[in-house]
Amino acid sequence: MLREIPLFGALAPSLVLYFVVAVGLFVLIDQLASAAGAYRLFWHPPLARLGLFLCVFSGLVLLTHP
């Protein structure tokens, strides 16, 4: 895992890179889930979206960390 990455001349934590990739994956999965009508099954859809993003982000970090 990278400790710091250069970002526009400043050093940023490597979690920023994970966050950007997770946002992209989340948007893709969210569009598919919305088209399938999966959010109708949840009591609070924004909370389900937050949980989905947290699962994508943490899963990405855990799968790519050696």
PDB file of N, CA and C in Angstrom:
ATOM      1  N   MET A   1       0.843  -1.174   0.000  1.00  0.00           N
ATOM      2  CA  MET A   1       0.000   0.000   0.000  1.00  0.00           C
ATOM      3  C   MET A   1       0.889   1.238   0.000  1.00  0.00           C
ATOM      4  N   LEU A   2       0.563   2.191  -0.837  1.00  0.00           N
ATOM      5  CA  LEU A   2       1.313   3.429  -0.890  1.00  0.00           C
ATOM      6  C   LEU A   2       1.066   4.251   0.361  1.00  0.00           C
ATOM      7  N   ARG A   3       2.107   4.903   0.825  1.00  0.00           N
ATOM      8  CA  ARG A   3       1.932   5.733   2.011  1.00  0.00           C
ATOM      9  C   ARG A   3       1.366   7.098   1.633  1.00  0.00           C
ATOM     10  N   GLU A   4       1.976   7.749   0.648  1.00  0.00           N
ATOM     11  CA  GLU A   4       1.497   9.046   0.191  1.00  0.00           C
ATOM     12  C   GLU A   4       1.627   9.102  -1.325  1.00  0.00           C
ATOM     13  N   ILE A   5       0.722   9.821  -1.963  1.00  0.00           N
ATOM     14  CA  ILE A   5       0.793   9.978  -3.411  1.00  0.00           C
ATOM     15  C   ILE A   5       0.853  11.469  -3.723  1.00  0.00           C
ATOM     16  N   PRO A   6       1.649  11.838  -4.736  1.00  0.00           N
ATOM     17  CA  PRO A   6       1.673  13.256  -5.114  1.00  0.00           C
ATOM     18  C   PRO A   6       0.399  13.624  -5.868  1.00  0.00           C
ATOM     19  N   LEU A   7      -0.251  14.673  -5.435  1.00  0.00           N
ATOM     20  CA  LEU A   7      -1.508  15.104  -6.038  1.00  0.00           C
ATOM     21  C   LEU A   7      -1.454  16.618  -6.232  1.00  0.00           C
ATOM     22  N   PHE A   8      -1.243  17.054  -7.464  1.00  0.00           N
ATOM     23  CA  PHE A   8      -1.148  18.472  -7.805  1.00  0.00           C
ATOM     24  C   PHE A   8      -0.093  19.194  -6.975  1.00  0.00           C
ATOM     25  N   GLY A   9       1.042  18.549  -6.780  1.00  0.00           N
ATOM     26  CA  GLY A   9       2.147  19.185  -6.064  1.00  0.00           C
ATOM     27  C   GLY A   9       2.095  19.021  -4.560  1.00  0.00           C
ATOM     28  N   ALA A  10       1.068  18.406  -4.033  1.00  0.00           N
ATOM     29  CA  ALA A  10       0.965  18.181  -2.592  1.00  0.00           C
ATOM     30  C   ALA A  10       0.871  16.684  -2.343  1.00  0.00           C
ATOM     31  N   LEU A  11       1.355  16.253  -1.205  1.00  0.00           N
ATOM     32  CA  LEU A  11       1.275  14.841  -0.861  1.00  0.00           C
ATOM     33  C   LEU A  11      -0.067  14.550  -0.182  1.00  0.00           C
ATOM     34  N   ALA A  12      -0.742  13.516  -0.657  1.00  0.00           N
ATOM     35  CA  ALA A  12      -2.044  13.139  -0.105  1.00  0.00           C
ATOM     36  C   ALA A  12      -1.978  11.687   0.357  1.00  0.00           C
ATOM     37  N   PRO A  13      -2.752  11.325   1.354  1.00  0.00           N
ATOM     38  CA  PRO A  13      -2.765   9.934   1.792  1.00  0.00           C
ATOM     39  C   PRO A  13      -3.284   9.021   0.686  1.00  0.00           C
ATOM     40  N   SER A  14      -2.850   7.772   0.704  1.00  0.00           N
ATOM     41  CA  SER A  14      -3.253   6.838  -0.347  1.00  0.00           C
ATOM     42  C   SER A  14      -4.743   6.512  -0.279  1.00  0.00           C
ATOM     43  N   LEU A  15      -5.383   6.781   0.832  1.00  0.00           N
ATOM     44  CA  LEU A  15      -6.825   6.545   0.928  1.00  0.00           C
ATOM     45  C   LEU A  15      -7.611   7.440  -0.012  1.00  0.00           C
ATOM     46  N   VAL A  16      -7.025   8.556  -0.437  1.00  0.00           N
ATOM     47  CA  VAL A  16      -7.689   9.432  -1.397  1.00  0.00           C
ATOM     48  C   VAL A  16      -7.870   8.683  -2.714  1.00  0.00           C
ATOM     49  N   LEU A  17      -6.848   7.958  -3.142  1.00  0.00           N
ATOM     50  CA  LEU A  17      -6.942   7.171  -4.371  1.00  0.00           C
ATOM     51  C   LEU A  17      -8.000   6.083  -4.236  1.00  0.00           C
ATOM     52  N   TYR A  18      -8.027   5.403  -3.102  1.00  0.00           N
ATOM     53  CA  TYR A  18      -9.058   4.393  -2.854  1.00  0.00           C
ATOM     54  C   TYR A  18     -10.451   5.032  -2.872  1.00  0.00           C
ATOM     55  N   PHE A  19     -10.576   6.219  -2.288  1.00  0.00           N
ATOM     56  CA  PHE A  19     -11.865   6.911  -2.235  1.00  0.00           C
ATOM     57  C   PHE A  19     -12.363   7.251  -3.635  1.00  0.00           C
ATOM     58  N   VAL A  20     -11.469   7.752  -4.491  1.00  0.00           N
ATOM     59  CA  VAL A  20     -11.864   8.137  -5.843  1.00  0.00           C
ATOM     60  C   VAL A  20     -12.314   6.908  -6.639  1.00  0.00           C
ATOM     61  N   VAL A  21     -11.590   5.810  -6.517  1.00  0.00           N
ATOM     62  CA  VAL A  21     -11.976   4.575  -7.212  1.00  0.00           C
ATOM     63  C   VAL A  21     -13.288   4.035  -6.657  1.00  0.00           C
ATOM     64  N   ALA A  22     -13.454   4.103  -5.329  1.00  0.00           N
ATOM     65  CA  ALA A  22     -14.692   3.617  -4.712  1.00  0.00           C
ATOM     66  C   ALA A  22     -15.891   4.447  -5.137  1.00  0.00           C
ATOM     67  N   VAL A  23     -15.716   5.744  -5.313  1.00  0.00           N
ATOM     68  CA  VAL A  23     -16.826   6.589  -5.776  1.00  0.00           C
ATOM     69  C   VAL A  23     -17.243   6.176  -7.180  1.00  0.00           C
ATOM     70  N   GLY A  24     -16.264   5.920  -8.047  1.00  0.00           N
ATOM     71  CA  GLY A  24     -16.581   5.473  -9.400  1.00  0.00           C
ATOM     72  C   GLY A  24     -17.329   4.150  -9.415  1.00  0.00           C
ATOM     73  N   LEU A  25     -16.852   3.187  -8.618  1.00  0.00           N
ATOM     74  CA  LEU A  25     -17.540   1.890  -8.540  1.00  0.00           C
ATOM     75  C   LEU A  25     -18.936   2.044  -7.936  1.00  0.00           C
ATOM     76  N   PHE A  26     -19.044   2.897  -6.922  1.00  0.00           N
ATOM     77  CA  PHE A  26     -20.333   3.102  -6.281  1.00  0.00           C
ATOM     78  C   PHE A  26     -21.344   3.688  -7.249  1.00  0.00           C
ATOM     79  N   VAL A  27     -20.937   4.662  -8.046  1.00  0.00           N
ATOM     80  CA  VAL A  27     -21.858   5.281  -9.002  1.00  0.00           C
ATOM     81  C   VAL A  27     -22.355   4.236  -9.992  1.00  0.00           C
ATOM     82  N   LEU A  28     -21.463   3.379 -10.454  1.00  0.00           N
ATOM     83  CA  LEU A  28     -21.857   2.325 -11.388  1.00  0.00           C
ATOM     84  C   LEU A  28     -22.846   1.351 -10.741  1.00  0.00           C
ATOM     85  N   ILE A  29     -22.536   0.884  -9.546  1.00  0.00           N
ATOM     86  CA  ILE A  29     -23.414  -0.061  -8.846  1.00  0.00           C
ATOM     87  C   ILE A  29     -24.738   0.605  -8.474  1.00  0.00           C
ATOM     88  N   ASP A  30     -24.677   1.876  -8.078  1.00  0.00           N
ATOM     89  CA  ASP A  30     -25.891   2.609  -7.705  1.00  0.00           C
ATOM     90  C   ASP A  30     -26.823   2.769  -8.897  1.00  0.00           C
ATOM     91  N   GLN A  31     -26.282   3.057 -10.066  1.00  0.00           N
ATOM     92  CA  GLN A  31     -27.111   3.174 -11.265  1.00  0.00           C
ATOM     93  C   GLN A  31     -27.774   1.844 -11.598  1.00  0.00           C
ATOM     94  N   LEU A  32     -27.032   0.754 -11.479  1.00  0.00           N
ATOM     95  CA  LEU A  32     -27.603  -0.567 -11.752  1.00  0.00           C
ATOM     96  C   LEU A  32     -28.693  -0.924 -10.740  1.00  0.00           C
ATOM     97  N   ALA A  33     -28.445  -0.612  -9.468  1.00  0.00           N
ATOM     98  CA  ALA A  33     -29.431  -0.922  -8.429  1.00  0.00           C
ATOM     99  C   ALA A  33     -30.689  -0.063  -8.586  1.00  0.00           C
ATOM    100  N   SER A  34     -30.509   1.187  -8.974  1.00  0.00           N
ATOM    101  CA  SER A  34     -31.666   2.060  -9.189  1.00  0.00           C
ATOM    102  C   SER A  34     -32.499   1.591 -10.377  1.00  0.00           C
ATOM    103  N   ALA A  35     -31.823   1.186 -11.439  1.00  0.00           N
ATOM    104  CA  ALA A  35     -32.542   0.710 -12.628  1.00  0.00           C
ATOM    105  C   ALA A  35     -33.295  -0.583 -12.329  1.00  0.00           C
ATOM    106  N   ALA A  36     -32.750  -1.405 -11.450  1.00  0.00           N
ATOM    107  CA  ALA A  36     -33.402  -2.663 -11.097  1.00  0.00           C
ATOM    108  C   ALA A  36     -34.498  -2.475 -10.048  1.00  0.00           C
ATOM    109  N   GLY A  37     -34.565  -1.292  -9.442  1.00  0.00           N
ATOM    110  CA  GLY A  37     -35.581  -1.040  -8.425  1.00  0.00           C
ATOM    111  C   GLY A  37     -35.248  -1.638  -7.077  1.00  0.00           C
ATOM    112  N   ALA A  38     -33.978  -1.834  -6.806  1.00  0.00           N
ATOM    113  CA  ALA A  38     -33.568  -2.475  -5.552  1.00  0.00           C
ATOM    114  C   ALA A  38     -33.810  -1.586  -4.337  1.00  0.00           C
ATOM    115  N   TYR A  39     -33.813  -0.277  -4.522  1.00  0.00           N
ATOM    116  CA  TYR A  39     -33.974   0.616  -3.376  1.00  0.00           C
ATOM    117  C   TYR A  39     -35.412   0.664  -2.860  1.00  0.00           C
ATOM    118  N   ARG A  40     -36.347   0.095  -3.586  1.00  0.00           N
ATOM    119  CA  ARG A  40     -37.729   0.025  -3.088  1.00  0.00           C
ATOM    120  C   ARG A  40     -37.844  -0.936  -1.915  1.00  0.00           C
ATOM    121  N   LEU A  41     -36.862  -1.823  -1.759  1.00  0.00           N
ATOM    122  CA  LEU A  41     -36.896  -2.817  -0.688  1.00  0.00           C
ATOM    123  C   LEU A  41     -36.432  -2.259   0.658  1.00  0.00           C
ATOM    124  N   PHE A  42     -35.851  -1.067   0.660  1.00  0.00           N
ATOM    125  CA  PHE A  42     -35.278  -0.513   1.874  1.00  0.00           C
ATOM    126  C   PHE A  42     -36.188   0.553   2.467  1.00  0.00           C
ATOM    127  N   TRP A  43     -36.163   0.633   3.787  1.00  0.00           N
ATOM    128  CA  TRP A  43     -36.967   1.608   4.499  1.00  0.00           C
ATOM    129  C   TRP A  43     -36.432   3.012   4.273  1.00  0.00           C
ATOM    130  N   HIS A  44     -35.111   3.151   4.240  1.00  0.00           N
ATOM    131  CA  HIS A  44     -34.468   4.449   4.100  1.00  0.00           C
ATOM    132  C   HIS A  44     -33.407   4.346   2.999  1.00  0.00           C
ATOM    133  N   PRO A  45     -33.764   4.599   1.752  1.00  0.00           N
ATOM    134  CA  PRO A  45     -32.830   4.422   0.636  1.00  0.00           C
ATOM    135  C   PRO A  45     -31.512   5.197   0.750  1.00  0.00           C
ATOM    136  N   PRO A  46     -31.492   6.449   1.255  1.00  0.00           N
ATOM    137  CA  PRO A  46     -30.191   7.110   1.394  1.00  0.00           C
ATOM    138  C   PRO A  46     -29.262   6.392   2.368  1.00  0.00           C
ATOM    139  N   LEU A  47     -29.840   5.810   3.409  1.00  0.00           N
ATOM    140  CA  LEU A  47     -29.027   5.048   4.353  1.00  0.00           C
ATOM    141  C   LEU A  47     -28.502   3.771   3.703  1.00  0.00           C
ATOM    142  N   ALA A  48     -29.295   3.156   2.853  1.00  0.00           N
ATOM    143  CA  ALA A  48     -28.834   1.972   2.121  1.00  0.00           C
ATOM    144  C   ALA A  48     -27.720   2.348   1.154  1.00  0.00           C
ATOM    145  N   ARG A  49     -27.824   3.525   0.534  1.00  0.00           N
ATOM    146  CA  ARG A  49     -26.755   3.992  -0.363  1.00  0.00           C
ATOM    147  C   ARG A  49     -25.465   4.242   0.416  1.00  0.00           C
ATOM    148  N   LEU A  50     -25.574   4.826   1.591  1.00  0.00           N
ATOM    149  CA  LEU A  50     -24.394   5.049   2.424  1.00  0.00           C
ATOM    150  C   LEU A  50     -23.747   3.725   2.796  1.00  0.00           C
ATOM    151  N   GLY A  51     -24.564   2.752   3.199  1.00  0.00           N
ATOM    152  CA  GLY A  51     -24.038   1.434   3.538  1.00  0.00           C
ATOM    153  C   GLY A  51     -23.376   0.765   2.343  1.00  0.00           C
ATOM    154  N   LEU A  52     -23.957   0.937   1.174  1.00  0.00           N
ATOM    155  CA  LEU A  52     -23.367   0.378  -0.045  1.00  0.00           C
ATOM    156  C   LEU A  52     -22.017   1.018  -0.324  1.00  0.00           C
ATOM    157  N   PHE A  53     -21.924   2.342  -0.182  1.00  0.00           N
ATOM    158  CA  PHE A  53     -20.639   3.006  -0.415  1.00  0.00           C
ATOM    159  C   PHE A  53     -19.596   2.537   0.591  1.00  0.00           C
ATOM    160  N   LEU A  54     -19.977   2.412   1.851  1.00  0.00           N
ATOM    161  CA  LEU A  54     -19.023   1.957   2.856  1.00  0.00           C
ATOM    162  C   LEU A  54     -18.544   0.537   2.573  1.00  0.00           C
ATOM    163  N   CYS A  55     -19.438  -0.308   2.097  1.00  0.00           N
ATOM    164  CA  CYS A  55     -19.041  -1.670   1.741  1.00  0.00           C
ATOM    165  C   CYS A  55     -18.093  -1.678   0.543  1.00  0.00           C
ATOM    166  N   VAL A  56     -18.368  -0.856  -0.447  1.00  0.00           N
ATOM    167  CA  VAL A  56     -17.494  -0.784  -1.625  1.00  0.00           C
ATOM    168  C   VAL A  56     -16.128  -0.243  -1.232  1.00  0.00           C
ATOM    169  N   PHE A  57     -16.100   0.833  -0.446  1.00  0.00           N
ATOM    170  CA  PHE A  57     -14.839   1.445  -0.044  1.00  0.00           C
ATOM    171  C   PHE A  57     -14.001   0.503   0.812  1.00  0.00           C
ATOM    172  N   SER A  58     -14.607  -0.065   1.838  1.00  0.00           N
ATOM    173  CA  SER A  58     -13.844  -0.943   2.723  1.00  0.00           C
ATOM    174  C   SER A  58     -13.456  -2.237   2.017  1.00  0.00           C
ATOM    175  N   GLY A  59     -14.309  -2.742   1.153  1.00  0.00           N
ATOM    176  CA  GLY A  59     -13.954  -3.944   0.397  1.00  0.00           C
ATOM    177  C   GLY A  59     -12.800  -3.693  -0.547  1.00  0.00           C
ATOM    178  N   LEU A  60     -12.784  -2.542  -1.179  1.00  0.00           N
ATOM    179  CA  LEU A  60     -11.674  -2.194  -2.073  1.00  0.00           C
ATOM    180  C   LEU A  60     -10.361  -2.091  -1.315  1.00  0.00           C
ATOM    181  N   VAL A  61     -10.393  -1.445  -0.158  1.00  0.00           N
ATOM    182  CA  VAL A  61      -9.174  -1.312   0.644  1.00  0.00           C
ATOM    183  C   VAL A  61      -8.702  -2.678   1.135  1.00  0.00           C
ATOM    184  N   LEU A  62      -9.619  -3.512   1.609  1.00  0.00           N
ATOM    185  CA  LEU A  62      -9.226  -4.820   2.138  1.00  0.00           C
ATOM    186  C   LEU A  62      -8.749  -5.768   1.046  1.00  0.00           C
ATOM    187  N   LEU A  63      -9.322  -5.671  -0.149  1.00  0.00           N
ATOM    188  CA  LEU A  63      -8.886  -6.560  -1.224  1.00  0.00           C
ATOM    189  C   LEU A  63      -7.550  -6.165  -1.829  1.00  0.00           C
ATOM    190  N   THR A  64      -7.213  -4.886  -1.804  1.00  0.00           N
ATOM    191  CA  THR A  64      -5.966  -4.460  -2.419  1.00  0.00           C
ATOM    192  C   THR A  64      -4.825  -4.327  -1.416  1.00  0.00           C
ATOM    193  N   HIS A  65      -5.092  -4.384  -0.154  1.00  0.00           N
ATOM    194  CA  HIS A  65      -4.036  -4.306   0.853  1.00  0.00           C
ATOM    195  C   HIS A  65      -3.377  -5.672   1.006  1.00  0.00           C
ATOM    196  N   PRO A  66      -2.039  -5.713   0.917  1.00  0.00           N
ATOM    197  CA  PRO A  66      -1.354  -7.032   1.021  1.00  0.00           C
ATOM    198  C   PRO A  66      -1.423  -7.665   2.387  1.00  0.00           C
TER     199      PRO A  66
END
